[in-house]
N, C-alpha and C. Protein backbone atom coordinates (compact mmCIF):
# COMPACT_ATOMS: atom_id res chain seq x y z
N MET A 1 36.20 20.72 -12.00
CA MET A 1 35.83 19.41 -11.51
C MET A 1 34.44 19.07 -12.03
N ASP A 2 34.32 17.97 -12.77
CA ASP A 2 33.05 17.52 -13.30
C ASP A 2 32.31 16.71 -12.27
N ALA A 3 31.04 17.03 -12.10
CA ALA A 3 30.21 16.25 -11.17
C ALA A 3 29.70 15.02 -11.91
N LYS A 4 29.75 13.89 -11.22
CA LYS A 4 29.24 12.68 -11.86
C LYS A 4 27.72 12.75 -11.94
N ALA A 5 27.16 12.05 -12.89
CA ALA A 5 25.71 12.05 -13.09
C ALA A 5 25.03 11.19 -12.02
N PRO A 6 23.81 11.53 -11.65
CA PRO A 6 23.11 10.72 -10.65
C PRO A 6 22.83 9.31 -11.20
N LYS A 7 22.83 8.34 -10.32
CA LYS A 7 22.59 6.95 -10.71
C LYS A 7 21.13 6.74 -11.12
N PHE A 8 20.20 7.45 -10.46
CA PHE A 8 18.77 7.29 -10.73
C PHE A 8 18.19 8.60 -11.25
N GLN A 9 17.14 8.49 -12.04
CA GLN A 9 16.44 9.65 -12.58
C GLN A 9 15.01 9.65 -12.07
N ILE A 10 14.33 10.80 -12.15
CA ILE A 10 12.93 10.89 -11.75
C ILE A 10 12.12 9.91 -12.60
N GLY A 11 11.29 9.13 -11.91
CA GLY A 11 10.45 8.13 -12.59
C GLY A 11 11.01 6.72 -12.54
N ASP A 12 12.29 6.56 -12.16
CA ASP A 12 12.88 5.22 -12.05
C ASP A 12 12.23 4.45 -10.91
N THR A 13 12.00 3.15 -11.12
CA THR A 13 11.47 2.28 -10.07
C THR A 13 12.64 1.70 -9.31
N VAL A 14 12.63 1.91 -7.99
CA VAL A 14 13.76 1.49 -7.15
C VAL A 14 13.25 0.71 -5.93
N VAL A 15 14.18 0.03 -5.28
CA VAL A 15 13.90 -0.68 -4.04
C VAL A 15 14.69 0.02 -2.93
N VAL A 16 14.01 0.33 -1.82
CA VAL A 16 14.68 0.86 -0.65
C VAL A 16 15.25 -0.36 0.08
N LYS A 17 16.57 -0.52 0.05
CA LYS A 17 17.22 -1.73 0.55
C LYS A 17 16.90 -2.03 2.01
N VAL A 18 16.82 -1.02 2.85
CA VAL A 18 16.60 -1.23 4.28
C VAL A 18 15.25 -1.90 4.54
N TYR A 19 14.22 -1.48 3.80
CA TYR A 19 12.87 -1.98 4.04
C TYR A 19 12.42 -3.03 3.04
N GLY A 20 13.08 -3.09 1.88
CA GLY A 20 12.65 -4.02 0.84
C GLY A 20 11.39 -3.57 0.14
N THR A 21 11.09 -2.26 0.20
CA THR A 21 9.89 -1.74 -0.44
C THR A 21 10.23 -1.10 -1.78
N VAL A 22 9.24 -1.08 -2.66
CA VAL A 22 9.42 -0.57 -4.02
C VAL A 22 8.75 0.80 -4.13
N GLY A 23 9.39 1.70 -4.85
CA GLY A 23 8.81 3.02 -5.08
C GLY A 23 9.42 3.67 -6.30
N LYS A 24 8.92 4.84 -6.62
CA LYS A 24 9.45 5.61 -7.76
C LYS A 24 10.16 6.86 -7.26
N ILE A 25 11.23 7.21 -7.94
CA ILE A 25 11.96 8.44 -7.63
C ILE A 25 11.10 9.62 -8.05
N THR A 26 10.85 10.54 -7.10
CA THR A 26 10.04 11.72 -7.41
C THR A 26 10.85 13.01 -7.40
N ALA A 27 12.06 12.98 -6.83
CA ALA A 27 12.92 14.17 -6.84
C ALA A 27 14.37 13.74 -6.61
N VAL A 28 15.29 14.51 -7.18
CA VAL A 28 16.73 14.26 -7.03
C VAL A 28 17.35 15.54 -6.48
N ARG A 29 18.17 15.40 -5.43
CA ARG A 29 18.84 16.55 -4.83
C ARG A 29 20.35 16.27 -4.77
N GLN A 30 21.14 17.30 -5.02
CA GLN A 30 22.58 17.16 -4.91
C GLN A 30 23.04 17.96 -3.69
N LEU A 31 23.63 17.25 -2.73
CA LEU A 31 24.10 17.87 -1.50
C LEU A 31 25.53 17.41 -1.21
N GLU A 32 26.41 18.34 -0.96
CA GLU A 32 27.79 18.05 -0.58
C GLU A 32 28.46 17.01 -1.48
N GLY A 33 28.26 17.16 -2.78
CA GLY A 33 28.92 16.29 -3.75
C GLY A 33 28.27 14.94 -3.96
N GLY A 34 27.19 14.63 -3.27
CA GLY A 34 26.49 13.36 -3.46
C GLY A 34 25.06 13.59 -3.88
N TYR A 35 24.42 12.55 -4.36
CA TYR A 35 23.02 12.64 -4.78
C TYR A 35 22.13 11.96 -3.77
N PHE A 36 21.00 12.60 -3.50
CA PHE A 36 20.00 12.08 -2.58
C PHE A 36 18.66 12.11 -3.29
N TYR A 37 17.79 11.16 -2.92
CA TYR A 37 16.55 10.97 -3.67
C TYR A 37 15.33 10.98 -2.76
N VAL A 38 14.21 11.48 -3.31
CA VAL A 38 12.92 11.41 -2.65
C VAL A 38 12.16 10.30 -3.36
N VAL A 39 11.62 9.35 -2.57
CA VAL A 39 10.89 8.23 -3.15
C VAL A 39 9.41 8.37 -2.80
N ASN A 40 8.56 8.27 -3.81
CA ASN A 40 7.10 8.35 -3.66
C ASN A 40 6.64 9.66 -3.01
N GLY A 41 7.40 10.72 -3.15
CA GLY A 41 7.00 12.02 -2.62
C GLY A 41 7.01 12.11 -1.11
N ARG A 42 7.58 11.14 -0.43
CA ARG A 42 7.64 11.13 1.03
C ARG A 42 8.68 12.11 1.53
N GLU A 43 8.55 12.49 2.80
CA GLU A 43 9.56 13.35 3.40
C GLU A 43 10.81 12.54 3.65
N GLY A 44 11.94 13.18 3.58
CA GLY A 44 13.21 12.51 3.84
C GLY A 44 13.93 12.20 2.56
N LEU A 45 15.24 12.25 2.65
CA LEU A 45 16.09 11.98 1.51
C LEU A 45 16.80 10.65 1.71
N LEU A 46 16.94 9.89 0.64
CA LEU A 46 17.64 8.61 0.69
C LEU A 46 18.91 8.71 -0.13
N ALA A 47 20.01 8.21 0.43
CA ALA A 47 21.29 8.24 -0.27
C ALA A 47 21.30 7.21 -1.40
N GLU A 48 22.17 7.45 -2.37
CA GLU A 48 22.27 6.57 -3.53
C GLU A 48 22.54 5.12 -3.14
N GLN A 49 23.41 4.92 -2.14
CA GLN A 49 23.77 3.56 -1.75
C GLN A 49 22.65 2.81 -1.03
N SER A 50 21.60 3.53 -0.60
CA SER A 50 20.49 2.87 0.10
C SER A 50 19.39 2.42 -0.87
N LEU A 51 19.60 2.67 -2.18
CA LEU A 51 18.62 2.31 -3.19
C LEU A 51 19.22 1.35 -4.21
N ALA A 52 18.37 0.57 -4.86
CA ALA A 52 18.80 -0.32 -5.95
C ALA A 52 17.71 -0.33 -7.02
N ARG A 53 18.11 -0.47 -8.25
CA ARG A 53 17.11 -0.61 -9.32
C ARG A 53 16.33 -1.90 -9.09
N LEU A 54 15.05 -1.86 -9.40
CA LEU A 54 14.21 -3.03 -9.19
C LEU A 54 14.75 -4.24 -9.95
N GLU A 55 15.24 -4.02 -11.16
CA GLU A 55 15.76 -5.12 -11.99
C GLU A 55 17.02 -5.73 -11.40
N GLU A 56 17.79 -4.95 -10.65
CA GLU A 56 19.07 -5.41 -10.11
C GLU A 56 18.97 -5.94 -8.69
N TYR A 57 17.84 -5.75 -8.02
CA TYR A 57 17.70 -6.12 -6.61
C TYR A 57 17.47 -7.62 -6.48
N ASP A 58 18.24 -8.27 -5.60
CA ASP A 58 18.10 -9.72 -5.43
C ASP A 58 17.68 -10.11 -4.01
N GLY A 59 17.27 -9.14 -3.21
CA GLY A 59 16.82 -9.41 -1.84
C GLY A 59 15.34 -9.73 -1.79
N ILE A 60 14.78 -9.71 -0.61
CA ILE A 60 13.36 -10.00 -0.40
C ILE A 60 12.55 -8.71 -0.53
N LEU A 61 11.47 -8.78 -1.29
CA LEU A 61 10.56 -7.63 -1.42
C LEU A 61 9.39 -7.84 -0.48
N TYR A 62 8.99 -6.79 0.20
CA TYR A 62 7.87 -6.86 1.13
C TYR A 62 6.69 -6.12 0.54
N LYS A 63 5.53 -6.72 0.64
CA LYS A 63 4.31 -6.07 0.17
C LYS A 63 3.82 -5.15 1.29
N LYS A 64 3.54 -3.92 0.95
CA LYS A 64 3.15 -2.94 1.96
C LYS A 64 1.95 -2.17 1.44
N GLU A 65 0.95 -2.03 2.29
CA GLU A 65 -0.22 -1.25 1.93
C GLU A 65 -0.40 -0.14 2.94
N GLU A 66 -0.99 0.93 2.48
CA GLU A 66 -1.27 2.06 3.36
C GLU A 66 -2.77 2.24 3.42
N VAL A 67 -3.31 2.27 4.63
CA VAL A 67 -4.74 2.40 4.83
C VAL A 67 -5.00 3.72 5.56
N ASN A 68 -5.91 4.49 5.01
CA ASN A 68 -6.31 5.74 5.66
C ASN A 68 -7.73 5.58 6.19
N ILE A 69 -7.91 5.89 7.45
CA ILE A 69 -9.22 5.80 8.09
C ILE A 69 -9.64 7.20 8.51
N GLU A 70 -10.82 7.60 8.06
CA GLU A 70 -11.34 8.90 8.46
C GLU A 70 -12.24 8.71 9.67
N LEU A 71 -11.96 9.44 10.72
CA LEU A 71 -12.74 9.35 11.94
C LEU A 71 -13.74 10.49 12.01
N LYS A 72 -14.90 10.18 12.57
CA LYS A 72 -15.93 11.19 12.71
C LYS A 72 -15.56 12.19 13.81
N PHE A 73 -14.86 11.70 14.84
CA PHE A 73 -14.47 12.53 15.96
C PHE A 73 -12.99 12.33 16.24
N PHE A 74 -12.40 13.29 16.92
CA PHE A 74 -11.00 13.22 17.30
C PHE A 74 -10.88 13.26 18.81
N ILE A 75 -9.75 12.85 19.33
CA ILE A 75 -9.51 12.90 20.76
C ILE A 75 -9.62 14.35 21.22
N GLY A 76 -10.39 14.56 22.26
CA GLY A 76 -10.58 15.91 22.76
C GLY A 76 -11.88 16.55 22.29
N ASP A 77 -12.51 15.99 21.24
CA ASP A 77 -13.79 16.52 20.80
C ASP A 77 -14.86 16.25 21.86
N ILE A 78 -15.76 17.17 22.03
CA ILE A 78 -16.86 16.97 22.96
C ILE A 78 -18.03 16.39 22.16
N VAL A 79 -18.44 15.19 22.55
CA VAL A 79 -19.53 14.53 21.83
C VAL A 79 -20.60 14.10 22.82
N ARG A 80 -21.78 13.96 22.36
CA ARG A 80 -22.88 13.50 23.20
C ARG A 80 -23.04 12.00 22.93
N ALA A 81 -22.90 11.20 23.94
CA ALA A 81 -22.99 9.75 23.80
C ALA A 81 -24.43 9.33 23.64
N LEU A 82 -24.71 8.49 22.67
CA LEU A 82 -26.05 7.99 22.41
C LEU A 82 -26.56 7.18 23.60
N ALA A 83 -25.69 6.41 24.23
CA ALA A 83 -26.10 5.59 25.37
C ALA A 83 -26.60 6.47 26.51
N LYS A 84 -25.99 7.61 26.71
CA LYS A 84 -26.41 8.52 27.78
C LYS A 84 -27.79 9.09 27.48
N MET A 85 -28.09 9.34 26.22
CA MET A 85 -29.39 9.86 25.85
C MET A 85 -30.48 8.80 26.00
N LEU A 86 -30.14 7.55 25.70
CA LEU A 86 -31.12 6.48 25.78
C LEU A 86 -31.33 6.00 27.21
N TYR A 87 -30.26 5.97 27.99
CA TYR A 87 -30.32 5.47 29.36
C TYR A 87 -29.73 6.51 30.31
N PRO A 88 -30.52 7.57 30.64
CA PRO A 88 -29.96 8.61 31.52
C PRO A 88 -29.62 8.05 32.90
N LEU A 89 -28.59 8.57 33.47
CA LEU A 89 -28.12 8.14 34.78
C LEU A 89 -29.08 8.64 35.85
N LYS A 90 -29.56 7.71 36.68
CA LYS A 90 -30.48 8.06 37.76
C LYS A 90 -29.73 8.06 39.07
N LEU A 91 -29.75 9.16 39.75
CA LEU A 91 -29.08 9.27 41.05
C LEU A 91 -30.07 9.28 42.18
């Protein structure tokens, strides 16, 4: 039994139909006779039918940005509040 070739290759630009977002194929996996894809190195596999080539997609594309914010402190960290140092509580 010959296995059919995957529809997409690593490096192809595709649209995730559910979200309307664009990404590149970073890995291809064959499971139980079907092909599944990793897009933009994210966790999770996407089935062939949930993707479309960018050139062939006729739906709405959504612009999406990812913002990373680095915090100086995390929840649970013990910090000394500047306000407490400037205005000590008088009992």
